[in-house]
Amino acid sequence: MATPSYLDCCAEPELDWVRTLYQSAHDQESLLRCTACLVYWFHRFHEYTDWSGGNDDLTSWYSPLTAAEGERLRDSTDPSGEDLSFLRTRPSWMDDAQGVQRVDGAPDRPYR
């Protein structure tokens, strides 16, 4: 997995996949961890396909997690049952068709 250059957990972040928490045809939630500084990251990917020939939308959010949050998601036997409401107010990075920007929060569930 290529680590986005804009992540700011340390001077040389390098993300490693820990586990997939949810996956569907157009959404994925993953737990990642920086191999350099050991910070956990919650990654959400969402794809919207415009079947009418318009523009598709591919959006990713990267949200840093506390060690306790990362360990809880890493060890969860039912990741879909975890409360992710804290993501709504967690400063995150969003990458979409308009570019990369720092946002005040990320979605706390997939677009089902």
PDB file of N, CA and C in Angstrom:
ATOM      1  N   MET A   1       0.850  -1.183   0.000  1.00  0.00           N
ATOM      2  CA  MET A   1       0.000   0.000   0.000  1.00  0.00           C
ATOM      3  C   MET A   1       0.887   1.236   0.000  1.00  0.00           C
ATOM      4  N   ALA A   2       0.593   2.138  -0.890  1.00  0.00           N
ATOM      5  CA  ALA A   2       1.336   3.400  -0.958  1.00  0.00           C
ATOM      6  C   ALA A   2       0.805   4.354   0.103  1.00  0.00           C
ATOM      7  N   THR A   3       1.697   4.935   0.856  1.00  0.00           N
ATOM      8  CA  THR A   3       1.316   5.883   1.895  1.00  0.00           C
ATOM      9  C   THR A   3       1.175   7.265   1.288  1.00  0.00           C
ATOM     10  N   PRO A   4       0.014   7.918   1.495  1.00  0.00           N
ATOM     11  CA  PRO A   4      -0.148   9.281   0.979  1.00  0.00           C
ATOM     12  C   PRO A   4       0.887  10.223   1.592  1.00  0.00           C
ATOM     13  N   SER A   5       1.425  11.114   0.782  1.00  0.00           N
ATOM     14  CA  SER A   5       2.485  12.015   1.234  1.00  0.00           C
ATOM     15  C   SER A   5       2.005  13.060   2.227  1.00  0.00           C
ATOM     16  N   TYR A   6       0.712  13.302   2.322  1.00  0.00           N
ATOM     17  CA  TYR A   6       0.190  14.353   3.196  1.00  0.00           C
ATOM     18  C   TYR A   6      -0.042  13.900   4.630  1.00  0.00           C
ATOM     19  N   LEU A   7       0.066  12.631   4.934  1.00  0.00           N
ATOM     20  CA  LEU A   7      -0.141  12.187   6.314  1.00  0.00           C
ATOM     21  C   LEU A   7       0.956  12.746   7.206  1.00  0.00           C
ATOM     22  N   ASP A   8       0.573  13.094   8.424  1.00  0.00           N
ATOM     23  CA  ASP A   8       1.458  13.884   9.285  1.00  0.00           C
ATOM     24  C   ASP A   8       1.687  13.309  10.679  1.00  0.00           C
ATOM     25  N   CYS A   9       1.670  11.994  10.802  1.00  0.00           N
ATOM     26  CA  CYS A   9       1.879  11.422  12.128  1.00  0.00           C
ATOM     27  C   CYS A   9       3.339  11.482  12.557  1.00  0.00           C
ATOM     28  N   CYS A  10       4.239  11.549  11.585  1.00  0.00           N
ATOM     29  CA  CYS A  10       5.665  11.621  11.890  1.00  0.00           C
ATOM     30  C   CYS A  10       6.407  12.145  10.668  1.00  0.00           C
ATOM     31  N   ALA A  11       7.717  12.217  10.750  1.00  0.00           N
ATOM     32  CA  ALA A  11       8.513  12.784   9.661  1.00  0.00           C
ATOM     33  C   ALA A  11       8.500  11.903   8.404  1.00  0.00           C
ATOM     34  N   GLU A  12       8.417  10.603   8.570  1.00  0.00           N
ATOM     35  CA  GLU A  12       8.430   9.694   7.426  1.00  0.00           C
ATOM     36  C   GLU A  12       7.391   8.590   7.600  1.00  0.00           C
ATOM     37  N   PRO A  13       6.100   8.943   7.493  1.00  0.00           N
ATOM     38  CA  PRO A  13       5.063   7.927   7.693  1.00  0.00           C
ATOM     39  C   PRO A  13       5.089   6.842   6.618  1.00  0.00           C
ATOM     40  N   GLU A  14       4.859   5.642   7.053  1.00  0.00           N
ATOM     41  CA  GLU A  14       4.763   4.481   6.173  1.00  0.00           C
ATOM     42  C   GLU A  14       3.660   3.585   6.736  1.00  0.00           C
ATOM     43  N   LEU A  15       2.517   3.551   6.047  1.00  0.00           N
ATOM     44  CA  LEU A  15       1.380   2.806   6.560  1.00  0.00           C
ATOM     45  C   LEU A  15       1.444   1.342   6.177  1.00  0.00           C
ATOM     46  N   ASP A  16       1.025   0.521   7.126  1.00  0.00           N
ATOM     47  CA  ASP A  16       0.946  -0.907   6.927  1.00  0.00           C
ATOM     48  C   ASP A  16      -0.488  -1.335   7.251  1.00  0.00           C
ATOM     49  N   TRP A  17      -1.047  -2.222   6.457  1.00  0.00           N
ATOM     50  CA  TRP A  17      -2.389  -2.723   6.676  1.00  0.00           C
ATOM     51  C   TRP A  17      -2.420  -3.601   7.921  1.00  0.00           C
ATOM     52  N   VAL A  18      -3.411  -3.387   8.803  1.00  0.00           N
ATOM     53  CA  VAL A  18      -3.591  -4.229   9.981  1.00  0.00           C
ATOM     54  C   VAL A  18      -4.752  -5.185   9.746  1.00  0.00           C
ATOM     55  N   ARG A  19      -5.932  -4.622   9.373  1.00  0.00           N
ATOM     56  CA  ARG A  19      -7.081  -5.471   9.068  1.00  0.00           C
ATOM     57  C   ARG A  19      -8.152  -4.678   8.344  1.00  0.00           C
ATOM     58  N   THR A  20      -8.956  -5.381   7.583  1.00  0.00           N
ATOM     59  CA  THR A  20     -10.125  -4.795   6.953  1.00  0.00           C
ATOM     60  C   THR A  20     -11.281  -4.936   7.931  1.00  0.00           C
ATOM     61  N   LEU A  21     -11.955  -3.819   8.197  1.00  0.00           N
ATOM     62  CA  LEU A  21     -13.060  -3.812   9.155  1.00  0.00           C
ATOM     63  C   LEU A  21     -14.408  -3.985   8.477  1.00  0.00           C
ATOM     64  N   TYR A  22     -14.513  -3.500   7.243  1.00  0.00           N
ATOM     65  CA  TYR A  22     -15.765  -3.606   6.472  1.00  0.00           C
ATOM     66  C   TYR A  22     -15.426  -3.469   5.003  1.00  0.00           C
ATOM     67  N   GLN A  23     -16.154  -4.210   4.164  1.00  0.00           N
ATOM     68  CA  GLN A  23     -15.933  -4.079   2.737  1.00  0.00           C
ATOM     69  C   GLN A  23     -17.216  -4.415   2.002  1.00  0.00           C
ATOM     70  N   SER A  24     -17.540  -3.589   1.002  1.00  0.00           N
ATOM     71  CA  SER A  24     -18.664  -3.841   0.110  1.00  0.00           C
ATOM     72  C   SER A  24     -18.200  -3.495  -1.302  1.00  0.00           C
ATOM     73  N   ALA A  25     -19.119  -3.492  -2.234  1.00  0.00           N
ATOM     74  CA  ALA A  25     -18.759  -3.191  -3.620  1.00  0.00           C
ATOM     75  C   ALA A  25     -18.227  -1.773  -3.791  1.00  0.00           C
ATOM     76  N   HIS A  26     -18.675  -0.835  -2.935  1.00  0.00           N
ATOM     77  CA  HIS A  26     -18.304   0.572  -3.112  1.00  0.00           C
ATOM     78  C   HIS A  26     -17.703   1.216  -1.859  1.00  0.00           C
ATOM     79  N   ASP A  27     -17.485   0.467  -0.820  1.00  0.00           N
ATOM     80  CA  ASP A  27     -16.952   1.018   0.429  1.00  0.00           C
ATOM     81  C   ASP A  27     -15.948   0.056   1.043  1.00  0.00           C
ATOM     82  N   GLN A  28     -14.990   0.632   1.752  1.00  0.00           N
ATOM     83  CA  GLN A  28     -14.064  -0.183   2.522  1.00  0.00           C
ATOM     84  C   GLN A  28     -13.598   0.613   3.730  1.00  0.00           C
ATOM     85  N   GLU A  29     -13.516  -0.068   4.866  1.00  0.00           N
ATOM     86  CA  GLU A  29     -12.951   0.498   6.087  1.00  0.00           C
ATOM     87  C   GLU A  29     -11.780  -0.380   6.485  1.00  0.00           C
ATOM     88  N   SER A  30     -10.645   0.257   6.758  1.00  0.00           N
ATOM     89  CA  SER A  30      -9.451  -0.499   7.137  1.00  0.00           C
ATOM     90  C   SER A  30      -8.766   0.145   8.322  1.00  0.00           C
ATOM     91  N   LEU A  31      -8.102  -0.685   9.092  1.00  0.00           N
ATOM     92  CA  LEU A  31      -7.240  -0.220  10.165  1.00  0.00           C
ATOM     93  C   LEU A  31      -5.813  -0.324   9.654  1.00  0.00           C
ATOM     94  N   LEU A  32      -5.096   0.792   9.704  1.00  0.00           N
ATOM     95  CA  LEU A  32      -3.713   0.864   9.248  1.00  0.00           C
ATOM     96  C   LEU A  32      -2.841   1.308  10.418  1.00  0.00           C
ATOM     97  N   ARG A  33      -1.554   1.086  10.307  1.00  0.00           N
ATOM     98  CA  ARG A  33      -0.628   1.534  11.347  1.00  0.00           C
ATOM     99  C   ARG A  33       0.672   1.989  10.710  1.00  0.00           C
ATOM    100  N   CYS A  34       1.172   3.107  11.197  1.00  0.00           N
ATOM    101  CA  CYS A  34       2.441   3.636  10.711  1.00  0.00           C
ATOM    102  C   CYS A  34       3.571   2.782  11.289  1.00  0.00           C
ATOM    103  N   THR A  35       4.411   2.268  10.415  1.00  0.00           N
ATOM    104  CA  THR A  35       5.528   1.435  10.872  1.00  0.00           C
ATOM    105  C   THR A  35       6.638   2.271  11.507  1.00  0.00           C
ATOM    106  N   ALA A  36       6.650   3.571  11.216  1.00  0.00           N
ATOM    107  CA  ALA A  36       7.684   4.448  11.766  1.00  0.00           C
ATOM    108  C   ALA A  36       7.371   4.890  13.193  1.00  0.00           C
ATOM    109  N   CYS A  37       6.135   5.359  13.432  1.00  0.00           N
ATOM    110  CA  CYS A  37       5.805   5.913  14.758  1.00  0.00           C
ATOM    111  C   CYS A  37       4.725   5.135  15.495  1.00  0.00           C
ATOM    112  N   LEU A  38       4.160   4.104  14.853  1.00  0.00           N
ATOM    113  CA  LEU A  38       3.176   3.191  15.427  1.00  0.00           C
ATOM    114  C   LEU A  38       1.788   3.801  15.661  1.00  0.00           C
ATOM    115  N   VAL A  39       1.502   4.945  15.064  1.00  0.00           N
ATOM    116  CA  VAL A  39       0.164   5.543  15.163  1.00  0.00           C
ATOM    117  C   VAL A  39      -0.792   4.735  14.297  1.00  0.00           C
ATOM    118  N   TYR A  40      -1.980   4.458  14.853  1.00  0.00           N
ATOM    119  CA  TYR A  40      -3.034   3.798  14.088  1.00  0.00           C
ATOM    120  C   TYR A  40      -3.796   4.839  13.274  1.00  0.00           C
ATOM    121  N   TRP A  41      -4.265   4.424  12.116  1.00  0.00           N
ATOM    122  CA  TRP A  41      -5.086   5.248  11.239  1.00  0.00           C
ATOM    123  C   TRP A  41      -6.324   4.465  10.827  1.00  0.00           C
ATOM    124  N   PHE A  42      -7.462   5.146  10.825  1.00  0.00           N
ATOM    125  CA  PHE A  42      -8.691   4.579  10.281  1.00  0.00           C
ATOM    126  C   PHE A  42      -8.803   5.096   8.852  1.00  0.00           C
ATOM    127  N   HIS A  43      -8.929   4.203   7.896  1.00  0.00           N
ATOM    128  CA  HIS A  43      -9.040   4.592   6.486  1.00  0.00           C
ATOM    129  C   HIS A  43     -10.417   4.183   5.971  1.00  0.00           C
ATOM    130  N   ARG A  44     -11.127   5.137   5.421  1.00  0.00           N
ATOM    131  CA  ARG A  44     -12.411   4.866   4.782  1.00  0.00           C
ATOM    132  C   ARG A  44     -12.299   5.237   3.310  1.00  0.00           C
ATOM    133  N   PHE A  45     -12.730   4.319   2.455  1.00  0.00           N
ATOM    134  CA  PHE A  45     -12.777   4.572   1.025  1.00  0.00           C
ATOM    135  C   PHE A  45     -14.223   4.448   0.577  1.00  0.00           C
ATOM    136  N   HIS A  46     -14.678   5.412  -0.222  1.00  0.00           N
ATOM    137  CA  HIS A  46     -16.031   5.367  -0.769  1.00  0.00           C
ATOM    138  C   HIS A  46     -15.981   5.671  -2.257  1.00  0.00           C
ATOM    139  N   GLU A  47     -16.681   4.859  -3.021  1.00  0.00           N
ATOM    140  CA  GLU A  47     -16.771   5.043  -4.465  1.00  0.00           C
ATOM    141  C   GLU A  47     -18.233   5.255  -4.840  1.00  0.00           C
ATOM    142  N   TYR A  48     -18.492   6.335  -5.555  1.00  0.00           N
ATOM    143  CA  TYR A  48     -19.814   6.574  -6.119  1.00  0.00           C
ATOM    144  C   TYR A  48     -19.684   6.482  -7.628  1.00  0.00           C
ATOM    145  N   THR A  49     -20.435   5.583  -8.223  1.00  0.00           N
ATOM    146  CA  THR A  49     -20.393   5.408  -9.668  1.00  0.00           C
ATOM    147  C   THR A  49     -21.586   6.120 -10.287  1.00  0.00           C
ATOM    148  N   ASP A  50     -21.312   7.026 -11.207  1.00  0.00           N
ATOM    149  CA  ASP A  50     -22.365   7.759 -11.918  1.00  0.00           C
ATOM    150  C   ASP A  50     -22.634   7.026 -13.229  1.00  0.00           C
ATOM    151  N   TRP A  51     -23.651   6.212 -13.228  1.00  0.00           N
ATOM    152  CA  TRP A  51     -23.960   5.380 -14.388  1.00  0.00           C
ATOM    153  C   TRP A  51     -24.498   6.190 -15.563  1.00  0.00           C
ATOM    154  N   SER A  52     -24.848   7.463 -15.353  1.00  0.00           N
ATOM    155  CA  SER A  52     -25.378   8.280 -16.448  1.00  0.00           C
ATOM    156  C   SER A  52     -24.258   8.890 -17.292  1.00  0.00           C
ATOM    157  N   GLY A  53     -23.032   8.573 -16.995  1.00  0.00           N
ATOM    158  CA  GLY A  53     -21.912   9.077 -17.783  1.00  0.00           C
ATOM    159  C   GLY A  53     -21.252  10.308 -17.193  1.00  0.00           C
ATOM    160  N   GLY A  54     -21.708  10.735 -16.035  1.00  0.00           N
ATOM    161  CA  GLY A  54     -21.078  11.877 -15.361  1.00  0.00           C
ATOM    162  C   GLY A  54     -19.780  11.448 -14.712  1.00  0.00           C
ATOM    163  N   ASN A  55     -19.387  12.157 -13.718  1.00  0.00           N
ATOM    164  CA  ASN A  55     -18.122  11.851 -13.048  1.00  0.00           C
ATOM    165  C   ASN A  55     -18.335  10.910 -11.874  1.00  0.00           C
ATOM    166  N   ASP A  56     -17.516   9.883 -11.815  1.00  0.00           N
ATOM    167  CA  ASP A  56     -17.503   9.021 -10.640  1.00  0.00           C
ATOM    168  C   ASP A  56     -16.817   9.773  -9.516  1.00  0.00           C
ATOM    169  N   ASP A  57     -17.086   9.397  -8.297  1.00  0.00           N
ATOM    170  CA  ASP A  57     -16.486  10.047  -7.135  1.00  0.00           C
ATOM    171  C   ASP A  57     -15.762   8.998  -6.306  1.00  0.00           C
ATOM    172  N   LEU A  58     -14.468   9.154  -6.145  1.00  0.00           N
ATOM    173  CA  LEU A  58     -13.647   8.288  -5.304  1.00  0.00           C
ATOM    174  C   LEU A  58     -13.128   9.141  -4.159  1.00  0.00           C
ATOM    175  N   THR A  59     -13.511   8.813  -2.944  1.00  0.00           N
ATOM    176  CA  THR A  59     -13.115   9.613  -1.787  1.00  0.00           C
ATOM    177  C   THR A  59     -12.491   8.728  -0.723  1.00  0.00           C
ATOM    178  N   SER A  60     -11.383   9.199  -0.150  1.00  0.00           N
ATOM    179  CA  SER A  60     -10.729   8.516   0.968  1.00  0.00           C
ATOM    180  C   SER A  60     -10.606   9.471   2.134  1.00  0.00           C
ATOM    181  N   TRP A  61     -10.788   8.950   3.333  1.00  0.00           N
ATOM    182  CA  TRP A  61     -10.547   9.701   4.564  1.00  0.00           C
ATOM    183  C   TRP A  61      -9.507   8.932   5.367  1.00  0.00           C
ATOM    184  N   TYR A  62      -8.570   9.647   5.934  1.00  0.00           N
ATOM    185  CA  TYR A  62      -7.577   9.083   6.844  1.00  0.00           C
ATOM    186  C   TYR A  62      -7.726   9.799   8.173  1.00  0.00           C
ATOM    187  N   SER A  63      -8.070   9.050   9.214  1.00  0.00           N
ATOM    188  CA  SER A  63      -8.285   9.621  10.543  1.00  0.00           C
ATOM    189  C   SER A  63      -7.317   8.978  11.526  1.00  0.00           C
ATOM    190  N   PRO A  64      -6.492   9.790  12.213  1.00  0.00           N
ATOM    191  CA  PRO A  64      -5.586   9.214  13.206  1.00  0.00           C
ATOM    192  C   PRO A  64      -6.384   8.723  14.415  1.00  0.00           C
ATOM    193  N   LEU A  65      -5.918   7.654  15.009  1.00  0.00           N
ATOM    194  CA  LEU A  65      -6.574   7.069  16.170  1.00  0.00           C
ATOM    195  C   LEU A  65      -5.647   7.087  17.369  1.00  0.00           C
ATOM    196  N   THR A  66      -6.224   7.082  18.533  1.00  0.00           N
ATOM    197  CA  THR A  66      -5.418   6.892  19.738  1.00  0.00           C
ATOM    198  C   THR A  66      -4.978   5.434  19.777  1.00  0.00           C
ATOM    199  N   ALA A  67      -3.992   5.129  20.591  1.00  0.00           N
ATOM    200  CA  ALA A  67      -3.534   3.745  20.719  1.00  0.00           C
ATOM    201  C   ALA A  67      -4.686   2.856  21.199  1.00  0.00           C
ATOM    202  N   ALA A  68      -5.481   3.348  22.149  1.00  0.00           N
ATOM    203  CA  ALA A  68      -6.599   2.558  22.683  1.00  0.00           C
ATOM    204  C   ALA A  68      -7.652   2.291  21.604  1.00  0.00           C
ATOM    205  N   GLU A  69      -7.964   3.299  20.793  1.00  0.00           N
ATOM    206  CA  GLU A  69      -8.941   3.108  19.714  1.00  0.00           C
ATOM    207  C   GLU A  69      -8.427   2.100  18.695  1.00  0.00           C
ATOM    208  N   GLY A  70      -7.167   2.232  18.314  1.00  0.00           N
ATOM    209  CA  GLY A  70      -6.578   1.310  17.353  1.00  0.00           C
ATOM    210  C   GLY A  70      -6.545  -0.110  17.864  1.00  0.00           C
ATOM    211  N   GLU A  71      -6.165  -0.290  19.103  1.00  0.00           N
ATOM    212  CA  GLU A  71      -6.110  -1.633  19.688  1.00  0.00           C
ATOM    213  C   GLU A  71      -7.492  -2.242  19.811  1.00  0.00           C
ATOM    214  N   ARG A  72      -8.489  -1.412  20.150  1.00  0.00           N
ATOM    215  CA  ARG A  72      -9.877  -1.894  20.245  1.00  0.00           C
ATOM    216  C   ARG A  72     -10.351  -2.392  18.884  1.00  0.00           C
ATOM    217  N   LEU A  73     -10.097  -1.629  17.826  1.00  0.00           N
ATOM    218  CA  LEU A  73     -10.508  -2.064  16.489  1.00  0.00           C
ATOM    219  C   LEU A  73      -9.691  -3.258  16.007  1.00  0.00           C
ATOM    220  N   ARG A  74      -8.437  -3.287  16.340  1.00  0.00           N
ATOM    221  CA  ARG A  74      -7.573  -4.410  15.961  1.00  0.00           C
ATOM    222  C   ARG A  74      -8.072  -5.719  16.573  1.00  0.00           C
ATOM    223  N   ASP A  75      -8.508  -5.655  17.838  1.00  0.00           N
ATOM    224  CA  ASP A  75      -8.868  -6.852  18.577  1.00  0.00           C
ATOM    225  C   ASP A  75     -10.362  -7.184  18.535  1.00  0.00           C
ATOM    226  N   SER A  76     -11.166  -6.334  17.946  1.00  0.00           N
ATOM    227  CA  SER A  76     -12.616  -6.527  17.946  1.00  0.00           C
ATOM    228  C   SER A  76     -13.013  -7.801  17.202  1.00  0.00           C
ATOM    229  N   THR A  77     -13.917  -8.566  17.821  1.00  0.00           N
ATOM    230  CA  THR A  77     -14.443  -9.751  17.149  1.00  0.00           C
ATOM    231  C   THR A  77     -15.600  -9.388  16.218  1.00  0.00           C
ATOM    232  N   ASP A  78     -16.167  -8.186  16.386  1.00  0.00           N
ATOM    233  CA  ASP A  78     -17.264  -7.715  15.534  1.00  0.00           C
ATOM    234  C   ASP A  78     -17.038  -6.249  15.185  1.00  0.00           C
ATOM    235  N   PRO A  79     -16.144  -5.943  14.243  1.00  0.00           N
ATOM    236  CA  PRO A  79     -15.853  -4.548  13.903  1.00  0.00           C
ATOM    237  C   PRO A  79     -17.078  -3.760  13.466  1.00  0.00           C
ATOM    238  N   SER A  80     -18.070  -4.422  12.850  1.00  0.00           N
ATOM    239  CA  SER A  80     -19.258  -3.709  12.400  1.00  0.00           C
ATOM    240  C   SER A  80     -20.104  -3.213  13.576  1.00  0.00           C
ATOM    241  N   GLY A  81     -19.899  -3.773  14.752  1.00  0.00           N
ATOM    242  CA  GLY A  81     -20.635  -3.349  15.933  1.00  0.00           C
ATOM    243  C   GLY A  81     -19.933  -2.268  16.742  1.00  0.00           C
ATOM    244  N   GLU A  82     -18.762  -1.852  16.326  1.00  0.00           N
ATOM    245  CA  GLU A  82     -18.000  -0.839  17.059  1.00  0.00           C
ATOM    246  C   GLU A  82     -18.589   0.555  16.865  1.00  0.00           C
ATOM    247  N   ASP A  83     -18.597   1.341  17.920  1.00  0.00           N
ATOM    248  CA  ASP A  83     -19.066   2.730  17.867  1.00  0.00           C
ATOM    249  C   ASP A  83     -17.954   3.598  17.286  1.00  0.00           C
ATOM    250  N   LEU A  84     -18.203   4.130  16.096  1.00  0.00           N
ATOM    251  CA  LEU A  84     -17.222   4.982  15.427  1.00  0.00           C
ATOM    252  C   LEU A  84     -17.661   6.439  15.396  1.00  0.00           C
ATOM    253  N   SER A  85     -18.609   6.816  16.247  1.00  0.00           N
ATOM    254  CA  SER A  85     -19.142   8.178  16.234  1.00  0.00           C
ATOM    255  C   SER A  85     -18.066   9.232  16.487  1.00  0.00           C
ATOM    256  N   PHE A  86     -16.989   8.869  17.151  1.00  0.00           N
ATOM    257  CA  PHE A  86     -15.897   9.822  17.407  1.00  0.00           C
ATOM    258  C   PHE A  86     -15.270  10.332  16.113  1.00  0.00           C
ATOM    259  N   LEU A  87     -15.417   9.583  15.011  1.00  0.00           N
ATOM    260  CA  LEU A  87     -14.840  10.016  13.731  1.00  0.00           C
ATOM    261  C   LEU A  87     -15.498  11.284  13.199  1.00  0.00           C
ATOM    262  N   ARG A  88     -16.756  11.529  13.588  1.00  0.00           N
ATOM    263  CA  ARG A  88     -17.468  12.710  13.084  1.00  0.00           C
ATOM    264  C   ARG A  88     -16.787  14.016  13.473  1.00  0.00           C
ATOM    265  N   THR A  89     -16.039  14.008  14.562  1.00  0.00           N
ATOM    266  CA  THR A  89     -15.363  15.227  15.020  1.00  0.00           C
ATOM    267  C   THR A  89     -13.845  15.071  15.069  1.00  0.00           C
ATOM    268  N   ARG A  90     -13.329  14.005  14.502  1.00  0.00           N
ATOM    269  CA  ARG A  90     -11.888  13.758  14.492  1.00  0.00           C
ATOM    270  C   ARG A  90     -11.261  14.454  13.284  1.00  0.00           C
ATOM    271  N   PRO A  91     -10.344  15.412  13.501  1.00  0.00           N
ATOM    272  CA  PRO A  91      -9.654  16.012  12.353  1.00  0.00           C
ATOM    273  C   PRO A  91      -9.046  14.911  11.484  1.00  0.00           C
ATOM    274  N   SER A  92      -9.306  14.992  10.196  1.00  0.00           N
ATOM    275  CA  SER A  92      -8.926  13.932   9.263  1.00  0.00           C
ATOM    276  C   SER A  92      -8.450  14.543   7.954  1.00  0.00           C
ATOM    277  N   TRP A  93      -7.853  13.705   7.140  1.00  0.00           N
ATOM    278  CA  TRP A  93      -7.482  14.084   5.781  1.00  0.00           C
ATOM    279  C   TRP A  93      -8.506  13.487   4.838  1.00  0.00           C
ATOM    280  N   MET A  94      -8.995  14.284   3.888  1.00  0.00           N
ATOM    281  CA  MET A  94      -9.923  13.813   2.874  1.00  0.00           C
ATOM    282  C   MET A  94      -9.297  14.037   1.503  1.00  0.00           C
ATOM    283  N   ASP A  95      -9.345  13.013   0.688  1.00  0.00           N
ATOM    284  CA  ASP A  95      -8.779  13.046  -0.656  1.00  0.00           C
ATOM    285  C   ASP A  95      -9.893  12.680  -1.635  1.00  0.00           C
ATOM    286  N   ASP A  96     -10.281  13.644  -2.478  1.00  0.00           N
ATOM    287  CA  ASP A  96     -11.326  13.400  -3.468  1.00  0.00           C
ATOM    288  C   ASP A  96     -10.972  14.086  -4.784  1.00  0.00           C
ATOM    289  N   ALA A  97     -11.917  14.192  -5.690  1.00  0.00           N
ATOM    290  CA  ALA A  97     -11.662  14.763  -7.015  1.00  0.00           C
ATOM    291  C   ALA A  97     -11.193  16.214  -6.950  1.00  0.00           C
ATOM    292  N   GLN A  98     -11.532  16.930  -5.874  1.00  0.00           N
ATOM    293  CA  GLN A  98     -11.107  18.322  -5.724  1.00  0.00           C
ATOM    294  C   GLN A  98      -9.715  18.452  -5.107  1.00  0.00           C
ATOM    295  N   GLY A  99      -9.139  17.340  -4.668  1.00  0.00           N
ATOM    296  CA  GLY A  99      -7.809  17.370  -4.076  1.00  0.00           C
ATOM    297  C   GLY A  99      -7.817  16.901  -2.636  1.00  0.00           C
ATOM    298  N   VAL A 100      -6.752  17.208  -1.933  1.00  0.00           N
ATOM    299  CA  VAL A 100      -6.579  16.812  -0.537  1.00  0.00           C
ATOM    300  C   VAL A 100      -6.868  18.004   0.351  1.00  0.00           C
ATOM    301  N   GLN A 101      -7.612  17.761   1.420  1.00  0.00           N
ATOM    302  CA  GLN A 101      -7.867  18.834   2.385  1.00  0.00           C
ATOM    303  C   GLN A 101      -8.020  18.270   3.788  1.00  0.00           C
ATOM    304  N   ARG A 102      -7.683  19.103   4.747  1.00  0.00           N
ATOM    305  CA  ARG A 102      -7.880  18.765   6.157  1.00  0.00           C
ATOM    306  C   ARG A 102      -9.331  19.081   6.471  1.00  0.00           C
ATOM    307  N   VAL A 103     -10.047  18.148   7.089  1.00  0.00           N
ATOM    308  CA  VAL A 103     -11.451  18.334   7.426  1.00  0.00           C
ATOM    309  C   VAL A 103     -11.641  18.116   8.924  1.00  0.00           C
ATOM    310  N   ASP A 104     -12.746  18.642   9.442  1.00  0.00           N
ATOM    311  CA  ASP A 104     -13.013  18.578  10.884  1.00  0.00           C
ATOM    312  C   ASP A 104     -13.566  17.234  11.344  1.00  0.00           C
ATOM    313  N   GLY A 105     -13.880  16.348  10.429  1.00  0.00           N
ATOM    314  CA  GLY A 105     -14.407  15.054  10.787  1.00  0.00           C
ATOM    315  C   GLY A 105     -14.551  14.181   9.558  1.00  0.00           C
ATOM    316  N   ALA A 106     -14.854  12.920   9.808  1.00  0.00           N
ATOM    317  CA  ALA A 106     -15.023  11.945   8.725  1.00  0.00           C
ATOM    318  C   ALA A 106     -16.325  11.192   8.971  1.00  0.00           C
ATOM    319  N   PRO A 107     -16.860  10.542   7.943  1.00  0.00           N
ATOM    320  CA  PRO A 107     -18.066   9.747   8.148  1.00  0.00           C
ATOM    321  C   PRO A 107     -17.809   8.636   9.173  1.00  0.00           C
ATOM    322  N   ASP A 108     -18.834   8.324   9.946  1.00  0.00           N
ATOM    323  CA  ASP A 108     -18.677   7.291  10.972  1.00  0.00           C
ATOM    324  C   ASP A 108     -19.281   5.962  10.552  1.00  0.00           C
ATOM    325  N   ARG A 109     -19.762   5.879   9.308  1.00  0.00           N
ATOM    326  CA  ARG A 109     -20.301   4.625   8.782  1.00  0.00           C
ATOM    327  C   ARG A 109     -20.269   4.661   7.261  1.00  0.00           C
ATOM    328  N   PRO A 110     -20.301   3.506   6.641  1.00  0.00           N
ATOM    329  CA  PRO A 110     -20.320   3.456   5.176  1.00  0.00           C
ATOM    330  C   PRO A 110     -21.622   4.015   4.620  1.00  0.00           C
ATOM    331  N   TYR A 111     -21.604   4.397   3.384  1.00  0.00           N
ATOM    332  CA  TYR A 111     -22.803   4.854   2.684  1.00  0.00           C
ATOM    333  C   TYR A 111     -23.547   3.634   2.178  1.00  0.00           C
ATOM    334  N   ARG A 112     -24.383   3.065   3.000  1.00  0.00           N
ATOM    335  CA  ARG A 112     -25.101   1.825   2.629  1.00  0.00           C
ATOM    336  C   ARG A 112     -26.409   2.156   1.985  1.00  0.00           C
TER     337      ARG A 112
END
